[in-house]
Structures are given as C-alpha cells and as structure tokens.
Amino acid sequence: MAVPKKKISKSRRDMRRSHLALAQTNCVFCSHCGESKLQHHMCSNCGMYNDRHILKDKRRSS
C-alpha cells in the first residue's frame, strides 16, 4: 500500500490548493436604475436587460 515517506509541509500543501480560492464576482451597474447587478443578467431591481423590460413592473400591474 502506498504510504507517504515524509510529511507534506503546510507551505507545500497550501501551494497545491492555491487555485481553489473563490473568485470575486463581476458586478456592474444597471444603466436604467443604477443598482449593482451581475453581468449578462437581468436587473432584479427594475427588471431591465439590454435596455428592454423583461419583467412587468409590479407597481404598474396593480
């Protein structure tokens, strides 16, 4: 059975895991309302995407 001959140091172990860190999300500001949103996603505040209304405004429908 394969058994390590020497202890792996914390430095070597952490260097191996360096690519597992979480990346920061890319946030942009909505051109319509100015709220921050994810790129290529609809704005959850105003319902706009690519200068078009995707969701109907709840305030207008009632």
Protein backbone atom coordinates (compact mmCIF):
# COMPACT_ATOMS: atom_id res chain seq x y z
CA MET A 1 0.00 0.00 0.00
CA ALA A 2 1.32 3.45 -0.91
CA VAL A 3 2.28 5.48 2.14
CA PRO A 4 3.96 8.92 2.08
CA LYS A 5 7.59 8.77 3.20
CA LYS A 6 7.73 12.31 4.61
CA LYS A 7 5.21 14.77 5.99
CA ILE A 8 3.95 17.34 3.48
CA SER A 9 4.67 20.81 4.85
CA LYS A 10 1.87 23.35 5.27
CA SER A 11 3.51 25.56 2.67
CA ARG A 12 3.58 22.82 0.02
CA ARG A 13 0.04 21.73 0.85
CA ASP A 14 -1.27 25.31 0.59
CA MET A 15 0.57 25.92 -2.69
CA ARG A 16 -1.22 22.91 -4.15
CA ARG A 17 -4.58 24.36 -3.08
CA SER A 18 -3.88 27.91 -4.22
CA HIS A 19 -6.15 27.65 -7.29
CA LEU A 20 -9.16 26.66 -5.15
CA ALA A 21 -9.70 30.20 -3.87
CA LEU A 22 -13.05 31.81 -4.67
CA ALA A 23 -13.02 34.42 -7.40
CA GLN A 24 -14.72 37.77 -6.91
CA THR A 25 -17.96 38.16 -8.85
CA ASN A 26 -18.12 40.68 -11.67
CA CYS A 27 -20.71 43.28 -10.73
CA VAL A 28 -21.76 46.15 -12.99
CA PHE A 29 -24.29 48.94 -12.51
CA CYS A 30 -27.66 48.90 -14.21
CA SER A 31 -27.87 51.64 -16.84
CA HIS A 32 -31.54 52.22 -16.04
CA CYS A 33 -31.69 52.42 -12.22
CA GLY A 34 -28.02 52.38 -11.15
CA GLU A 35 -28.36 49.28 -8.95
CA SER A 36 -25.46 46.77 -8.97
CA LYS A 37 -26.14 43.51 -10.85
CA LEU A 38 -24.28 40.56 -12.35
CA GLN A 39 -23.04 40.93 -15.92
CA HIS A 40 -25.34 39.46 -18.59
CA HIS A 41 -28.18 39.14 -16.06
CA MET A 42 -31.44 40.95 -15.65
CA CYS A 43 -31.55 43.70 -13.02
CA SER A 44 -33.51 42.40 -10.05
CA ASN A 45 -34.49 45.93 -9.03
CA CYS A 46 -36.08 47.30 -12.22
CA GLY A 47 -36.43 44.20 -14.46
CA MET A 48 -34.35 45.62 -17.35
CA TYR A 49 -31.91 43.68 -19.52
CA ASN A 50 -30.11 45.14 -22.52
CA ASP A 51 -32.30 48.28 -22.40
CA ARG A 52 -35.52 46.24 -22.57
CA HIS A 53 -38.15 45.49 -19.90
CA ILE A 54 -38.08 41.77 -19.19
CA LEU A 55 -40.34 41.70 -16.13
CA LYS A 56 -43.50 43.69 -15.79
CA ASP A 57 -43.36 46.24 -13.01
CA LYS A 58 -45.41 45.10 -10.01
CA ARG A 59 -46.47 48.66 -9.27
CA ARG A 60 -47.93 49.17 -12.78
CA SER A 61 -49.92 45.92 -12.92
CA SER A 62 -51.96 46.58 -9.76
